[in-house]
Amino acid sequence: MPNITLSIPEDIYKKMKKYREVKWSEVVRKAILDYIKRLEESEIEKNTKEILEELGQDFKKSLSELNVENVVEGYEKMRDAEWKRFSTIRVS
C-alpha cells in the first residue's frame, strides 16, 4: 500500500496526540474516500445535466410530462417478461 505524507498545523497535531487510541491513518483514509465519492457524484450530476442539454428542450419537456404510474407499470411489465425469459432458460 502506498504511503503519503500529510502536513498539519502543530495545534491539531497536539490534539491528535491526546487520542493515541485513534487510528488517524484510518480516519484520513475514510475522509479521502468520502471526498472522492462526493467528487464522483458531482461529476455524474454534471454529466447528466450535459446530456440533458444535448438532448434539447423537447426531450426535457417530454421527460417532465411522464406519468410516473405509467412508467412504473411499464417497468413492472418489463421486469416480469425478463423473469419469464430467464426462468425458462435451461442449464446444460
C-alpha atoms as a PDB file:
ATOM      1  CA  MET A   1       0.000   0.000   0.000  1.00  0.00           C
ATOM      2  CA  PRO A   2       1.466   3.401  -0.939  1.00  0.00           C
ATOM      3  CA  ASN A   3       2.254   5.910   1.798  1.00  0.00           C
ATOM      4  CA  ILE A   4       1.628   9.648   1.712  1.00  0.00           C
ATOM      5  CA  THR A   5       2.968  12.441   3.885  1.00  0.00           C
ATOM      6  CA  LEU A   6       0.438  14.796   5.410  1.00  0.00           C
ATOM      7  CA  SER A   7       1.266  18.207   6.832  1.00  0.00           C
ATOM      8  CA  ILE A   8      -0.962  19.539   9.595  1.00  0.00           C
ATOM      9  CA  PRO A   9      -0.728  22.534  11.923  1.00  0.00           C
ATOM     10  CA  GLU A  10       1.044  21.999  15.233  1.00  0.00           C
ATOM     11  CA  ASP A  11      -2.097  22.662  17.317  1.00  0.00           C
ATOM     12  CA  ILE A  12      -4.014  19.919  15.512  1.00  0.00           C
ATOM     13  CA  TYR A  13      -1.087  17.539  15.962  1.00  0.00           C
ATOM     14  CA  LYS A  14      -1.096  18.183  19.727  1.00  0.00           C
ATOM     15  CA  LYS A  15      -4.830  17.491  19.894  1.00  0.00           C
ATOM     16  CA  MET A  16      -4.364  14.267  17.955  1.00  0.00           C
ATOM     17  CA  LYS A  17      -1.704  13.125  20.414  1.00  0.00           C
ATOM     18  CA  LYS A  18      -4.295  13.279  23.212  1.00  0.00           C
ATOM     19  CA  TYR A  19      -6.181  10.477  21.497  1.00  0.00           C
ATOM     20  CA  ARG A  20      -3.477   7.890  20.878  1.00  0.00           C
ATOM     21  CA  GLU A  21      -6.057   5.111  20.622  1.00  0.00           C
ATOM     22  CA  VAL A  22      -7.447   6.614  17.409  1.00  0.00           C
ATOM     23  CA  LYS A  23      -6.009   5.221  14.192  1.00  0.00           C
ATOM     24  CA  TRP A  24      -5.540   8.552  12.455  1.00  0.00           C
ATOM     25  CA  SER A  25      -4.444   6.981   9.189  1.00  0.00           C
ATOM     26  CA  GLU A  26      -7.818   5.214   9.040  1.00  0.00           C
ATOM     27  CA  VAL A  27      -9.638   8.477   9.767  1.00  0.00           C
ATOM     28  CA  VAL A  28      -7.760  10.191   6.937  1.00  0.00           C
ATOM     29  CA  ARG A  29      -8.301   7.237   4.581  1.00  0.00           C
ATOM     30  CA  LYS A  30     -12.066   7.357   5.176  1.00  0.00           C
ATOM     31  CA  ALA A  31     -12.155  11.135   4.759  1.00  0.00           C
ATOM     32  CA  ILE A  32     -10.326  10.850   1.428  1.00  0.00           C
ATOM     33  CA  LEU A  33     -12.711   8.130   0.217  1.00  0.00           C
ATOM     34  CA  ASP A  34     -15.742  10.206   1.230  1.00  0.00           C
ATOM     35  CA  TYR A  35     -14.349  13.229  -0.587  1.00  0.00           C
ATOM     36  CA  ILE A  36     -13.631  11.189  -3.728  1.00  0.00           C
ATOM     37  CA  LYS A  37     -17.185   9.813  -3.614  1.00  0.00           C
ATOM     38  CA  ARG A  38     -18.609  13.351  -3.459  1.00  0.00           C
ATOM     39  CA  LEU A  39     -16.414  14.405  -6.368  1.00  0.00           C
ATOM     40  CA  GLU A  40     -17.520  11.433  -8.454  1.00  0.00           C
ATOM     41  CA  GLU A  41     -21.179  12.076  -7.645  1.00  0.00           C
ATOM     42  CA  SER A  42     -20.852  15.699  -8.697  1.00  0.00           C
ATOM     43  CA  GLU A  43     -19.243  14.532 -11.972  1.00  0.00           C
ATOM     44  CA  ILE A  44     -22.194  12.202 -12.565  1.00  0.00           C
ATOM     45  CA  GLU A  45     -24.644  15.042 -11.923  1.00  0.00           C
ATOM     46  CA  LYS A  46     -22.680  17.291 -14.223  1.00  0.00           C
ATOM     47  CA  ASN A  47     -22.627  14.632 -16.939  1.00  0.00           C
ATOM     48  CA  THR A  48     -26.377  14.082 -16.584  1.00  0.00           C
ATOM     49  CA  LYS A  49     -27.013  17.801 -16.963  1.00  0.00           C
ATOM     50  CA  GLU A  50     -24.773  17.939 -20.014  1.00  0.00           C
ATOM     51  CA  ILE A  51     -26.613  15.009 -21.590  1.00  0.00           C
ATOM     52  CA  LEU A  52     -29.978  16.650 -20.969  1.00  0.00           C
ATOM     53  CA  GLU A  53     -28.709  19.862 -22.540  1.00  0.00           C
ATOM     54  CA  GLU A  54     -27.523  17.939 -25.593  1.00  0.00           C
ATOM     55  CA  LEU A  55     -30.889  16.202 -25.940  1.00  0.00           C
ATOM     56  CA  GLY A  56     -32.596  19.575 -26.043  1.00  0.00           C
ATOM     57  CA  GLN A  57     -35.647  21.282 -24.645  1.00  0.00           C
ATOM     58  CA  ASP A  58     -38.149  18.961 -26.370  1.00  0.00           C
ATOM     59  CA  PHE A  59     -36.700  15.964 -24.568  1.00  0.00           C
ATOM     60  CA  LYS A  60     -36.676  17.804 -21.233  1.00  0.00           C
ATOM     61  CA  LYS A  61     -40.307  18.740 -21.726  1.00  0.00           C
ATOM     62  CA  SER A  62     -41.384  15.207 -22.639  1.00  0.00           C
ATOM     63  CA  LEU A  63     -39.405  13.841 -19.696  1.00  0.00           C
ATOM     64  CA  SER A  64     -41.110  16.196 -17.263  1.00  0.00           C
ATOM     65  CA  GLU A  65     -44.524  15.225 -18.653  1.00  0.00           C
ATOM     66  CA  LEU A  66     -44.059  11.497 -17.997  1.00  0.00           C
ATOM     67  CA  ASN A  67     -46.723   9.901 -15.862  1.00  0.00           C
ATOM     68  CA  VAL A  68     -44.957   8.114 -13.012  1.00  0.00           C
ATOM     69  CA  GLU A  69     -47.679   5.469 -12.732  1.00  0.00           C
ATOM     70  CA  ASN A  70     -47.290   4.567 -16.419  1.00  0.00           C
ATOM     71  CA  VAL A  71     -43.518   4.373 -16.036  1.00  0.00           C
ATOM     72  CA  VAL A  72     -43.809   2.058 -13.019  1.00  0.00           C
ATOM     73  CA  GLU A  73     -46.354  -0.123 -14.843  1.00  0.00           C
ATOM     74  CA  GLY A  74     -44.067  -0.365 -17.877  1.00  0.00           C
ATOM     75  CA  TYR A  75     -41.102  -1.235 -15.676  1.00  0.00           C
ATOM     76  CA  GLU A  76     -43.060  -3.979 -13.912  1.00  0.00           C
ATOM     77  CA  LYS A  77     -44.150  -5.497 -17.239  1.00  0.00           C
ATOM     78  CA  MET A  78     -40.565  -5.444 -18.495  1.00  0.00           C
ATOM     79  CA  ARG A  79     -39.282  -6.988 -15.258  1.00  0.00           C
ATOM     80  CA  ASP A  80     -41.890  -9.772 -15.402  1.00  0.00           C
ATOM     81  CA  ALA A  81     -41.082 -10.509 -19.049  1.00  0.00           C
ATOM     82  CA  GLU A  82     -37.360 -10.716 -18.237  1.00  0.00           C
ATOM     83  CA  TRP A  83     -38.079 -13.010 -15.295  1.00  0.00           C
ATOM     84  CA  LYS A  84     -40.082 -15.344 -17.535  1.00  0.00           C
ATOM     85  CA  ARG A  85     -37.332 -15.326 -20.137  1.00  0.00           C
ATOM     86  CA  PHE A  86     -34.585 -16.148 -17.625  1.00  0.00           C
ATOM     87  CA  SER A  87     -36.632 -18.719 -15.779  1.00  0.00           C
ATOM     88  CA  THR A  88     -37.212 -20.720 -18.984  1.00  0.00           C
ATOM     89  CA  ILE A  89     -33.532 -20.911 -19.932  1.00  0.00           C
ATOM     90  CA  ARG A  90     -32.257 -24.457 -19.444  1.00  0.00           C
ATOM     91  CA  VAL A  91     -28.850 -25.116 -17.986  1.00  0.00           C
ATOM     92  CA  SER A  92     -26.976 -27.998 -19.604  1.00  0.00           C
END
